[in-house]
Structures are given as C-alpha cells and as structure tokens.
N, C-alpha and C. Protein backbone atom coordinates (compact mmCIF):
# COMPACT_ATOMS: atom_id res chain seq x y z
N MET A 1 -10.61 12.32 -5.59
CA MET A 1 -11.53 11.21 -5.41
C MET A 1 -11.66 10.95 -3.92
N THR A 2 -12.86 10.77 -3.47
CA THR A 2 -13.12 10.45 -2.07
C THR A 2 -13.54 8.99 -1.96
N LEU A 3 -12.89 8.27 -1.04
CA LEU A 3 -13.20 6.86 -0.80
C LEU A 3 -13.54 6.69 0.67
N LYS A 4 -14.25 5.62 1.00
CA LYS A 4 -14.61 5.34 2.39
C LYS A 4 -13.68 4.26 2.95
N LEU A 5 -13.33 4.43 4.22
CA LEU A 5 -12.60 3.39 4.93
C LEU A 5 -13.58 2.28 5.28
N ARG A 6 -13.13 1.03 5.19
CA ARG A 6 -14.00 -0.13 5.44
C ARG A 6 -13.34 -1.06 6.45
N ARG A 7 -14.18 -1.76 7.18
CA ARG A 7 -13.70 -2.80 8.08
C ARG A 7 -13.27 -3.99 7.25
N ILE A 8 -12.07 -4.49 7.50
CA ILE A 8 -11.57 -5.70 6.84
C ILE A 8 -11.00 -6.56 7.95
N GLY A 9 -11.78 -7.50 8.42
CA GLY A 9 -11.38 -8.31 9.58
C GLY A 9 -11.23 -7.41 10.79
N ASN A 10 -10.08 -7.48 11.45
CA ASN A 10 -9.80 -6.64 12.62
C ASN A 10 -9.12 -5.33 12.22
N SER A 11 -8.99 -5.08 10.94
CA SER A 11 -8.29 -3.89 10.44
C SER A 11 -9.27 -2.97 9.72
N THR A 12 -8.76 -1.86 9.26
CA THR A 12 -9.53 -0.92 8.46
C THR A 12 -8.75 -0.68 7.18
N GLY A 13 -9.43 -0.67 6.05
CA GLY A 13 -8.74 -0.50 4.77
C GLY A 13 -9.55 0.33 3.80
N VAL A 14 -8.98 0.52 2.65
CA VAL A 14 -9.64 1.25 1.57
C VAL A 14 -9.49 0.42 0.30
N ILE A 15 -10.54 0.35 -0.48
CA ILE A 15 -10.50 -0.36 -1.75
C ILE A 15 -10.10 0.65 -2.82
N LEU A 16 -9.00 0.38 -3.51
CA LEU A 16 -8.51 1.30 -4.54
C LEU A 16 -9.10 0.89 -5.89
N PRO A 17 -9.75 1.83 -6.58
CA PRO A 17 -10.33 1.52 -7.89
C PRO A 17 -9.27 1.12 -8.91
N LYS A 18 -9.70 0.29 -9.85
CA LYS A 18 -8.82 -0.24 -10.89
C LYS A 18 -8.09 0.87 -11.64
N ASP A 19 -8.78 1.96 -11.97
CA ASP A 19 -8.14 3.03 -12.74
C ASP A 19 -7.05 3.75 -11.94
N ILE A 20 -7.22 3.85 -10.63
CA ILE A 20 -6.18 4.45 -9.78
C ILE A 20 -4.96 3.54 -9.75
N LEU A 21 -5.18 2.23 -9.58
CA LEU A 21 -4.07 1.28 -9.58
C LEU A 21 -3.34 1.30 -10.92
N ALA A 22 -4.08 1.35 -12.01
CA ALA A 22 -3.47 1.38 -13.34
C ALA A 22 -2.62 2.64 -13.52
N GLU A 23 -3.13 3.76 -13.06
CA GLU A 23 -2.39 5.03 -13.18
C GLU A 23 -1.08 4.98 -12.39
N ALA A 24 -1.09 4.28 -11.25
CA ALA A 24 0.09 4.14 -10.41
C ALA A 24 0.94 2.94 -10.82
N ASN A 25 0.52 2.24 -11.87
CA ASN A 25 1.23 1.04 -12.35
C ASN A 25 1.34 -0.01 -11.24
N LEU A 26 0.23 -0.21 -10.52
CA LEU A 26 0.16 -1.22 -9.46
C LEU A 26 -0.94 -2.21 -9.78
N ASP A 27 -0.85 -3.41 -9.19
CA ASP A 27 -1.88 -4.42 -9.38
C ASP A 27 -1.99 -5.24 -8.10
N ALA A 28 -3.07 -5.98 -7.97
CA ALA A 28 -3.27 -6.84 -6.80
C ALA A 28 -2.06 -7.75 -6.64
N GLY A 29 -1.58 -7.88 -5.42
CA GLY A 29 -0.43 -8.73 -5.14
C GLY A 29 0.90 -8.00 -5.12
N ASP A 30 0.94 -6.76 -5.63
CA ASP A 30 2.17 -5.97 -5.59
C ASP A 30 2.47 -5.56 -4.15
N SER A 31 3.75 -5.45 -3.82
CA SER A 31 4.14 -4.96 -2.50
C SER A 31 4.22 -3.44 -2.54
N VAL A 32 3.74 -2.81 -1.47
CA VAL A 32 3.77 -1.35 -1.37
C VAL A 32 4.36 -0.96 -0.03
N THR A 33 4.84 0.27 0.04
CA THR A 33 5.33 0.85 1.28
C THR A 33 4.32 1.92 1.69
N VAL A 34 3.93 1.91 2.96
CA VAL A 34 2.96 2.88 3.47
C VAL A 34 3.69 3.81 4.44
N THR A 35 3.55 5.12 4.19
CA THR A 35 4.21 6.13 5.01
C THR A 35 3.17 7.15 5.45
N VAL A 36 3.25 7.56 6.71
CA VAL A 36 2.37 8.61 7.21
C VAL A 36 3.17 9.90 7.24
N ARG A 37 2.65 10.93 6.59
CA ARG A 37 3.29 12.25 6.55
C ARG A 37 2.24 13.27 7.00
N GLY A 38 2.40 13.74 8.22
CA GLY A 38 1.40 14.65 8.78
C GLY A 38 0.08 13.92 8.92
N ASN A 39 -0.96 14.43 8.26
CA ASN A 39 -2.25 13.73 8.32
C ASN A 39 -2.56 13.04 7.00
N ALA A 40 -1.51 12.73 6.22
CA ALA A 40 -1.68 12.05 4.93
C ALA A 40 -1.02 10.67 4.97
N ILE A 41 -1.64 9.72 4.27
CA ILE A 41 -1.08 8.37 4.12
C ILE A 41 -0.61 8.25 2.68
N GLU A 42 0.67 7.94 2.50
CA GLU A 42 1.27 7.82 1.16
C GLU A 42 1.56 6.35 0.88
N ILE A 43 1.10 5.86 -0.26
CA ILE A 43 1.32 4.47 -0.67
C ILE A 43 2.19 4.50 -1.92
N THR A 44 3.36 3.83 -1.86
CA THR A 44 4.26 3.77 -3.01
C THR A 44 4.69 2.34 -3.24
N ARG A 45 5.07 2.05 -4.47
CA ARG A 45 5.58 0.71 -4.79
C ARG A 45 6.80 0.44 -3.92
N ALA A 46 6.84 -0.73 -3.32
CA ALA A 46 7.99 -1.10 -2.48
C ALA A 46 9.18 -1.38 -3.37
N SER A 47 10.33 -0.85 -2.97
CA SER A 47 11.54 -1.14 -3.74
C SER A 47 11.97 -2.56 -3.42
N THR A 48 12.56 -3.23 -4.36
CA THR A 48 13.00 -4.61 -4.12
C THR A 48 14.12 -4.63 -3.10
N ASP A 49 14.94 -3.58 -3.05
CA ASP A 49 16.01 -3.51 -2.04
C ASP A 49 15.42 -3.50 -0.64
N TYR A 50 14.35 -2.71 -0.45
CA TYR A 50 13.70 -2.63 0.85
C TYR A 50 13.08 -3.97 1.22
N ALA A 51 12.39 -4.60 0.28
CA ALA A 51 11.75 -5.89 0.54
C ALA A 51 12.79 -6.95 0.88
N ASP A 52 13.91 -6.95 0.16
CA ASP A 52 14.99 -7.90 0.45
C ASP A 52 15.56 -7.68 1.84
N ALA A 53 15.77 -6.41 2.22
CA ALA A 53 16.30 -6.09 3.54
C ALA A 53 15.34 -6.53 4.63
N MET A 54 14.05 -6.31 4.44
CA MET A 54 13.06 -6.70 5.44
C MET A 54 13.00 -8.22 5.57
N ALA A 55 13.16 -8.93 4.48
CA ALA A 55 13.16 -10.39 4.52
C ALA A 55 14.34 -10.90 5.34
N LEU A 56 15.49 -10.26 5.21
CA LEU A 56 16.67 -10.64 6.00
C LEU A 56 16.45 -10.37 7.47
N VAL A 57 15.85 -9.26 7.81
CA VAL A 57 15.63 -8.88 9.21
C VAL A 57 14.64 -9.84 9.86
N SER A 58 13.66 -10.32 9.13
CA SER A 58 12.63 -11.18 9.73
C SER A 58 13.08 -12.62 9.90
N ARG A 59 14.26 -12.95 9.45
CA ARG A 59 14.76 -14.34 9.60
C ARG A 59 15.22 -14.61 10.99
C-alpha cells in the first residue's frame, strides 16, 4: 500500500487506514515506538516497560 506524507502542523505524518491499524491490533491513542532501519520506518506497539522507563526518565 502506498500512502502520502502530509503536513501536520510543523511536522510531517502519515494517516494509517483503519484496516491497517486493525491488522496490527492498534487504535487511536495507543502508544507506539518508531524506529528507523536503513531507509525504512518501523512502527511497533510500545511495550509498557519502555513507556514506564521513559516516564521515570522525564521526571
């Protein structure tokens, strides 16, 4: 599937179709981890351990 990058405020983003989110078991409001590998961007569900650790670091 090919999607277009869009301007979102001062950032650039992509709108993920509902069926893609459903297949990945994700929904609006879920936390994700974004990783760049070579010239690919990988989006995965954020682990709760990672989110908890980041919350501690930001205090």
